[in-house]
Amino acid sequence: SAVLHPNQESHRLEAIAERFGIAIIGRHTALGDAIVTGEVFLRMVPLLADMGIRTLGEARAAAEKTYYARIKY
């Protein structure tokens, strides 16, 4: 999410789903969270491909350059 939308305030699953217009049903249940995550993933893949990011390795490398990857918890 931070690669696609670096200027967004939140990258929580709820915020990402809202940006993509995905309804959340059964949040904080294994099935509900898995379905929402899958829907988000399916929406992100073509957007990442448009940016030239086509493999998991490329996605990980792009993610490592985001602000959120540099935060120490």
PDB file of N, CA and C in Angstrom:
ATOM      1  N   SER A   1       0.819  -1.196   0.000  1.00  0.00           N
ATOM      2  CA  SER A   1       0.000   0.000   0.000  1.00  0.00           C
ATOM      3  C   SER A   1       0.858   1.253   0.000  1.00  0.00           C
ATOM      4  N   ALA A   2       1.938   1.224   0.745  1.00  0.00           N
ATOM      5  CA  ALA A   2       2.805   2.403   0.818  1.00  0.00           C
ATOM      6  C   ALA A   2       3.525   2.649  -0.506  1.00  0.00           C
ATOM      7  N   VAL A   3       3.729   1.597  -1.291  1.00  0.00           N
ATOM      8  CA  VAL A   3       4.345   1.758  -2.612  1.00  0.00           C
ATOM      9  C   VAL A   3       3.352   2.424  -3.560  1.00  0.00           C
ATOM     10  N   LEU A   4       2.108   1.986  -3.507  1.00  0.00           N
ATOM     11  CA  LEU A   4       1.078   2.511  -4.407  1.00  0.00           C
ATOM     12  C   LEU A   4       0.552   3.873  -3.976  1.00  0.00           C
ATOM     13  N   HIS A   5       0.417   4.059  -2.676  1.00  0.00           N
ATOM     14  CA  HIS A   5      -0.181   5.282  -2.136  1.00  0.00           C
ATOM     15  C   HIS A   5       0.717   5.860  -1.035  1.00  0.00           C
ATOM     16  N   PRO A   6       1.899   6.345  -1.388  1.00  0.00           N
ATOM     17  CA  PRO A   6       2.847   6.780  -0.355  1.00  0.00           C
ATOM     18  C   PRO A   6       2.382   7.965   0.480  1.00  0.00           C
ATOM     19  N   ASN A   7       1.467   8.753  -0.027  1.00  0.00           N
ATOM     20  CA  ASN A   7       1.044   9.951   0.707  1.00  0.00           C
ATOM     21  C   ASN A   7      -0.202   9.745   1.552  1.00  0.00           C
ATOM     22  N   GLN A   8      -0.716   8.536   1.585  1.00  0.00           N
ATOM     23  CA  GLN A   8      -1.890   8.273   2.405  1.00  0.00           C
ATOM     24  C   GLN A   8      -1.502   8.222   3.875  1.00  0.00           C
ATOM     25  N   GLU A   9      -2.390   8.689   4.710  1.00  0.00           N
ATOM     26  CA  GLU A   9      -2.115   8.726   6.148  1.00  0.00           C
ATOM     27  C   GLU A   9      -2.085   7.335   6.766  1.00  0.00           C
ATOM     28  N   SER A  10      -2.947   6.441   6.293  1.00  0.00           N
ATOM     29  CA  SER A  10      -3.061   5.124   6.910  1.00  0.00           C
ATOM     30  C   SER A  10      -2.889   4.015   5.875  1.00  0.00           C
ATOM     31  N   HIS A  11      -2.246   2.949   6.324  1.00  0.00           N
ATOM     32  CA  HIS A  11      -2.089   1.754   5.508  1.00  0.00           C
ATOM     33  C   HIS A  11      -2.642   0.536   6.246  1.00  0.00           C
ATOM     34  N   ARG A  12      -3.576   0.808   7.149  1.00  0.00           N
ATOM     35  CA  ARG A  12      -4.286  -0.285   7.823  1.00  0.00           C
ATOM     36  C   ARG A  12      -5.171  -0.984   6.795  1.00  0.00           C
ATOM     37  N   LEU A  13      -5.487  -2.225   7.032  1.00  0.00           N
ATOM     38  CA  LEU A  13      -6.298  -2.989   6.094  1.00  0.00           C
ATOM     39  C   LEU A  13      -7.630  -2.295   5.821  1.00  0.00           C
ATOM     40  N   GLU A  14      -8.253  -1.742   6.849  1.00  0.00           N
ATOM     41  CA  GLU A  14      -9.529  -1.045   6.661  1.00  0.00           C
ATOM     42  C   GLU A  14      -9.385   0.143   5.714  1.00  0.00           C
ATOM     43  N   ALA A  15      -8.315   0.917   5.890  1.00  0.00           N
ATOM     44  CA  ALA A  15      -8.094   2.106   5.060  1.00  0.00           C
ATOM     45  C   ALA A  15      -7.809   1.714   3.613  1.00  0.00           C
ATOM     46  N   ILE A  16      -7.014   0.677   3.429  1.00  0.00           N
ATOM     47  CA  ILE A  16      -6.696   0.220   2.075  1.00  0.00           C
ATOM     48  C   ILE A  16      -7.963  -0.285   1.387  1.00  0.00           C
ATOM     49  N   ALA A  17      -8.740  -1.090   2.094  1.00  0.00           N
ATOM     50  CA  ALA A  17      -9.986  -1.613   1.529  1.00  0.00           C
ATOM     51  C   ALA A  17     -10.922  -0.474   1.143  1.00  0.00           C
ATOM     52  N   GLU A  18     -11.001   0.529   1.977  1.00  0.00           N
ATOM     53  CA  GLU A  18     -11.864   1.675   1.673  1.00  0.00           C
ATOM     54  C   GLU A  18     -11.405   2.389   0.408  1.00  0.00           C
ATOM     55  N   ARG A  19     -10.089   2.584   0.269  1.00  0.00           N
ATOM     56  CA  ARG A  19      -9.560   3.240  -0.933  1.00  0.00           C
ATOM     57  C   ARG A  19      -9.927   2.472  -2.198  1.00  0.00           C
ATOM     58  N   PHE A  20      -9.970   1.154  -2.098  1.00  0.00           N
ATOM     59  CA  PHE A  20     -10.285   0.314  -3.253  1.00  0.00           C
ATOM     60  C   PHE A  20     -11.776   0.010  -3.378  1.00  0.00           C
ATOM     61  N   GLY A  21     -12.584   0.509  -2.452  1.00  0.00           N
ATOM     62  CA  GLY A  21     -14.021   0.274  -2.514  1.00  0.00           C
ATOM     63  C   GLY A  21     -14.412  -1.148  -2.184  1.00  0.00           C
ATOM     64  N   ILE A  22     -13.653  -1.781  -1.305  1.00  0.00           N
ATOM     65  CA  ILE A  22     -13.902  -3.172  -0.925  1.00  0.00           C
ATOM     66  C   ILE A  22     -14.670  -3.204   0.387  1.00  0.00           C
ATOM     67  N   ALA A  23     -15.791  -3.899   0.392  1.00  0.00           N
ATOM     68  CA  ALA A  23     -16.584  -4.043   1.614  1.00  0.00           C
ATOM     69  C   ALA A  23     -15.896  -5.028   2.549  1.00  0.00           C
ATOM     70  N   ILE A  24     -15.896  -4.692   3.825  1.00  0.00           N
ATOM     71  CA  ILE A  24     -15.291  -5.567   4.831  1.00  0.00           C
ATOM     72  C   ILE A  24     -16.404  -6.304   5.562  1.00  0.00           C
ATOM     73  N   ILE A  25     -16.345  -7.606   5.483  1.00  0.00           N
ATOM     74  CA  ILE A  25     -17.328  -8.449   6.166  1.00  0.00           C
ATOM     75  C   ILE A  25     -16.552  -9.425   7.046  1.00  0.00           C
ATOM     76  N   GLY A  26     -16.853  -9.428   8.317  1.00  0.00           N
ATOM     77  CA  GLY A  26     -16.194 -10.364   9.229  1.00  0.00           C
ATOM     78  C   GLY A  26     -14.780  -9.967   9.591  1.00  0.00           C
ATOM     79  N   ARG A  27     -14.547  -8.676   9.792  1.00  0.00           N
ATOM     80  CA  ARG A  27     -13.211  -8.213  10.173  1.00  0.00           C
ATOM     81  C   ARG A  27     -12.815  -8.846  11.490  1.00  0.00           C
ATOM     82  N   HIS A  28     -11.546  -9.151  11.598  1.00  0.00           N
ATOM     83  CA  HIS A  28     -10.941  -9.788  12.770  1.00  0.00           C
ATOM     84  C   HIS A  28     -11.427 -11.222  12.961  1.00  0.00           C
ATOM     85  N   THR A  29     -11.859 -11.826  11.880  1.00  0.00           N
ATOM     86  CA  THR A  29     -12.060 -13.279  11.862  1.00  0.00           C
ATOM     87  C   THR A  29     -11.102 -13.805  10.804  1.00  0.00           C
ATOM     88  N   ALA A  30     -10.680 -15.046  10.943  1.00  0.00           N
ATOM     89  CA  ALA A  30      -9.714 -15.599   9.995  1.00  0.00           C
ATOM     90  C   ALA A  30     -10.240 -15.509   8.559  1.00  0.00           C
ATOM     91  N   LEU A  31     -11.454 -15.937   8.339  1.00  0.00           N
ATOM     92  CA  LEU A  31     -12.013 -15.937   6.989  1.00  0.00           C
ATOM     93  C   LEU A  31     -12.238 -14.516   6.480  1.00  0.00           C
ATOM     94  N   GLY A  32     -12.823 -13.663   7.299  1.00  0.00           N
ATOM     95  CA  GLY A  32     -13.096 -12.286   6.887  1.00  0.00           C
ATOM     96  C   GLY A  32     -11.829 -11.528   6.529  1.00  0.00           C
ATOM     97  N   ASP A  33     -10.804 -11.636   7.369  1.00  0.00           N
ATOM     98  CA  ASP A  33      -9.537 -10.950   7.098  1.00  0.00           C
ATOM     99  C   ASP A  33      -8.859 -11.515   5.853  1.00  0.00           C
ATOM    100  N   ALA A  34      -8.942 -12.826   5.676  1.00  0.00           N
ATOM    101  CA  ALA A  34      -8.331 -13.449   4.499  1.00  0.00           C
ATOM    102  C   ALA A  34      -9.021 -12.986   3.218  1.00  0.00           C
ATOM    103  N   ILE A  35     -10.331 -12.899   3.239  1.00  0.00           N
ATOM    104  CA  ILE A  35     -11.076 -12.459   2.050  1.00  0.00           C
ATOM    105  C   ILE A  35     -10.734 -11.018   1.702  1.00  0.00           C
ATOM    106  N   VAL A  36     -10.736 -10.138   2.688  1.00  0.00           N
ATOM    107  CA  VAL A  36     -10.414  -8.728   2.439  1.00  0.00           C
ATOM    108  C   VAL A  36      -8.974  -8.597   1.942  1.00  0.00           C
ATOM    109  N   THR A  37      -8.056  -9.304   2.557  1.00  0.00           N
ATOM    110  CA  THR A  37      -6.657  -9.256   2.133  1.00  0.00           C
ATOM    111  C   THR A  37      -6.514  -9.745   0.694  1.00  0.00           C
ATOM    112  N   GLY A  38      -7.214 -10.813   0.352  1.00  0.00           N
ATOM    113  CA  GLY A  38      -7.177 -11.328  -1.011  1.00  0.00           C
ATOM    114  C   GLY A  38      -7.727 -10.332  -2.014  1.00  0.00           C
ATOM    115  N   GLU A  39      -8.833  -9.687  -1.669  1.00  0.00           N
ATOM    116  CA  GLU A  39      -9.424  -8.681  -2.559  1.00  0.00           C
ATOM    117  C   GLU A  39      -8.478  -7.502  -2.756  1.00  0.00           C
ATOM    118  N   VAL A  40      -7.844  -7.058  -1.678  1.00  0.00           N
ATOM    119  CA  VAL A  40      -6.880  -5.967  -1.764  1.00  0.00           C
ATOM    120  C   VAL A  40      -5.710  -6.379  -2.663  1.00  0.00           C
ATOM    121  N   PHE A  41      -5.203  -7.573  -2.447  1.00  0.00           N
ATOM    122  CA  PHE A  41      -4.090  -8.075  -3.244  1.00  0.00           C
ATOM    123  C   PHE A  41      -4.437  -8.084  -4.734  1.00  0.00           C
ATOM    124  N   LEU A  42      -5.622  -8.573  -5.056  1.00  0.00           N
ATOM    125  CA  LEU A  42      -6.042  -8.636  -6.461  1.00  0.00           C
ATOM    126  C   LEU A  42      -6.155  -7.246  -7.085  1.00  0.00           C
ATOM    127  N   ARG A  43      -6.514  -6.257  -6.295  1.00  0.00           N
ATOM    128  CA  ARG A  43      -6.585  -4.878  -6.809  1.00  0.00           C
ATOM    129  C   ARG A  43      -5.198  -4.271  -6.964  1.00  0.00           C
ATOM    130  N   MET A  44      -4.274  -4.666  -6.096  1.00  0.00           N
ATOM    131  CA  MET A  44      -2.932  -4.088  -6.132  1.00  0.00           C
ATOM    132  C   MET A  44      -2.073  -4.635  -7.271  1.00  0.00           C
ATOM    133  N   VAL A  45      -2.236  -5.892  -7.615  1.00  0.00           N
ATOM    134  CA  VAL A  45      -1.362  -6.523  -8.606  1.00  0.00           C
ATOM    135  C   VAL A  45      -1.292  -5.740  -9.921  1.00  0.00           C
ATOM    136  N   PRO A  46      -2.424  -5.393 -10.547  1.00  0.00           N
ATOM    137  CA  PRO A  46      -2.301  -4.649 -11.810  1.00  0.00           C
ATOM    138  C   PRO A  46      -1.718  -3.247 -11.631  1.00  0.00           C
ATOM    139  N   LEU A  47      -1.975  -2.617 -10.494  1.00  0.00           N
ATOM    140  CA  LEU A  47      -1.413  -1.281 -10.252  1.00  0.00           C
ATOM    141  C   LEU A  47       0.100  -1.356 -10.089  1.00  0.00           C
ATOM    142  N   LEU A  48       0.561  -2.376  -9.399  1.00  0.00           N
ATOM    143  CA  LEU A  48       2.004  -2.572  -9.258  1.00  0.00           C
ATOM    144  C   LEU A  48       2.629  -2.899 -10.611  1.00  0.00           C
ATOM    145  N   ALA A  49       1.952  -3.726 -11.398  1.00  0.00           N
ATOM    146  CA  ALA A  49       2.461  -4.069 -12.734  1.00  0.00           C
ATOM    147  C   ALA A  49       2.601  -2.821 -13.599  1.00  0.00           C
ATOM    148  N   ASP A  50       1.654  -1.903 -13.467  1.00  0.00           N
ATOM    149  CA  ASP A  50       1.736  -0.643 -14.212  1.00  0.00           C
ATOM    150  C   ASP A  50       2.973   0.161 -13.822  1.00  0.00           C
ATOM    151  N   MET A  51       3.470  -0.078 -12.623  1.00  0.00           N
ATOM    152  CA  MET A  51       4.669   0.608 -12.143  1.00  0.00           C
ATOM    153  C   MET A  51       5.933  -0.184 -12.478  1.00  0.00           C
ATOM    154  N   GLY A  52       5.773  -1.317 -13.169  1.00  0.00           N
ATOM    155  CA  GLY A  52       6.917  -2.148 -13.513  1.00  0.00           C
ATOM    156  C   GLY A  52       7.281  -3.160 -12.446  1.00  0.00           C
ATOM    157  N   ILE A  53       6.433  -3.307 -11.451  1.00  0.00           N
ATOM    158  CA  ILE A  53       6.669  -4.247 -10.354  1.00  0.00           C
ATOM    159  C   ILE A  53       5.852  -5.492 -10.650  1.00  0.00           C
ATOM    160  N   ARG A  54       6.543  -6.570 -11.047  1.00  0.00           N
ATOM    161  CA  ARG A  54       5.823  -7.752 -11.504  1.00  0.00           C
ATOM    162  C   ARG A  54       6.126  -9.017 -10.718  1.00  0.00           C
ATOM    163  N   THR A  55       7.133  -9.000  -9.874  1.00  0.00           N
ATOM    164  CA  THR A  55       7.483 -10.193  -9.104  1.00  0.00           C
ATOM    165  C   THR A  55       7.440  -9.873  -7.619  1.00  0.00           C
ATOM    166  N   LEU A  56       7.405 -10.924  -6.816  1.00  0.00           N
ATOM    167  CA  LEU A  56       7.432 -10.732  -5.367  1.00  0.00           C
ATOM    168  C   LEU A  56       8.727 -10.048  -4.949  1.00  0.00           C
ATOM    169  N   GLY A  57       9.830 -10.431  -5.555  1.00  0.00           N
ATOM    170  CA  GLY A  57      11.111  -9.800  -5.239  1.00  0.00           C
ATOM    171  C   GLY A  57      11.100  -8.313  -5.544  1.00  0.00           C
ATOM    172  N   GLU A  58      10.519  -7.944  -6.679  1.00  0.00           N
ATOM    173  CA  GLU A  58      10.419  -6.523  -7.029  1.00  0.00           C
ATOM    174  C   GLU A  58       9.509  -5.789  -6.055  1.00  0.00           C
ATOM    175  N   ALA A  59       8.445  -6.433  -5.636  1.00  0.00           N
ATOM    176  CA  ALA A  59       7.524  -5.813  -4.667  1.00  0.00           C
ATOM    177  C   ALA A  59       8.220  -5.617  -3.323  1.00  0.00           C
ATOM    178  N   ARG A  60       8.963  -6.606  -2.898  1.00  0.00           N
ATOM    179  CA  ARG A  60       9.686  -6.488  -1.629  1.00  0.00           C
ATOM    180  C   ARG A  60      10.738  -5.383  -1.701  1.00  0.00           C
ATOM    181  N   ALA A  61      11.455  -5.308  -2.816  1.00  0.00           N
ATOM    182  CA  ALA A  61      12.474  -4.265  -2.973  1.00  0.00           C
ATOM    183  C   ALA A  61      11.833  -2.882  -2.953  1.00  0.00           C
ATOM    184  N   ALA A  62      10.694  -2.734  -3.604  1.00  0.00           N
ATOM    185  CA  ALA A  62       9.990  -1.446  -3.603  1.00  0.00           C
ATOM    186  C   ALA A  62       9.501  -1.108  -2.198  1.00  0.00           C
ATOM    187  N   ALA A  63       8.979  -2.094  -1.495  1.00  0.00           N
ATOM    188  CA  ALA A  63       8.472  -1.870  -0.141  1.00  0.00           C
ATOM    189  C   ALA A  63       9.586  -1.456   0.814  1.00  0.00           C
ATOM    190  N   GLU A  64      10.778  -2.009   0.605  1.00  0.00           N
ATOM    191  CA  GLU A  64      11.906  -1.675   1.480  1.00  0.00           C
ATOM    192  C   GLU A  64      12.349  -0.228   1.335  1.00  0.00           C
ATOM    193  N   LYS A  65      11.933   0.440   0.283  1.00  0.00           N
ATOM    194  CA  LYS A  65      12.292   1.843   0.068  1.00  0.00           C
ATOM    195  C   LYS A  65      11.275   2.814   0.656  1.00  0.00           C
ATOM    196  N   THR A  66      10.172   2.299   1.184  1.00  0.00           N
ATOM    197  CA  THR A  66       9.135   3.172   1.723  1.00  0.00           C
ATOM    198  C   THR A  66       9.496   3.649   3.123  1.00  0.00           C
ATOM    199  N   TYR A  67       8.841   4.708   3.527  1.00  0.00           N
ATOM    200  CA  TYR A  67       9.014   5.267   4.865  1.00  0.00           C
ATOM    201  C   TYR A  67       8.735   4.215   5.934  1.00  0.00           C
ATOM    202  N   TYR A  68       7.712   3.416   5.737  1.00  0.00           N
ATOM    203  CA  TYR A  68       7.286   2.455   6.750  1.00  0.00           C
ATOM    204  C   TYR A  68       8.315   1.363   6.970  1.00  0.00           C
ATOM    205  N   ALA A  69       9.125   1.068   5.990  1.00  0.00           N
ATOM    206  CA  ALA A  69      10.169   0.067   6.143  1.00  0.00           C
ATOM    207  C   ALA A  69      11.322   0.599   6.984  1.00  0.00           C
ATOM    208  N   ARG A  70      11.449   1.904   7.061  1.00  0.00           N
ATOM    209  CA  ARG A  70      12.553   2.503   7.813  1.00  0.00           C
ATOM    210  C   ARG A  70      12.214   2.777   9.278  1.00  0.00           C
ATOM    211  N   ILE A  71      10.954   2.626   9.646  1.00  0.00           N
ATOM    212  CA  ILE A  71      10.551   2.865  11.035  1.00  0.00           C
ATOM    213  C   ILE A  71      11.055   1.721  11.907  1.00  0.00           C
ATOM    214  N   LYS A  72      11.640   2.057  13.026  1.00  0.00           N
ATOM    215  CA  LYS A  72      12.101   1.057  13.989  1.00  0.00           C
ATOM    216  C   LYS A  72      11.071   0.955  15.103  1.00  0.00           C
ATOM    217  N   TYR A  73      10.560  -0.231  15.319  1.00  0.00           N
ATOM    218  CA  TYR A  73       9.532  -0.434  16.346  1.00  0.00           C
ATOM    219  C   TYR A  73      10.122  -0.972  17.612  1.00  0.00           C
TER     220      TYR A  73
END
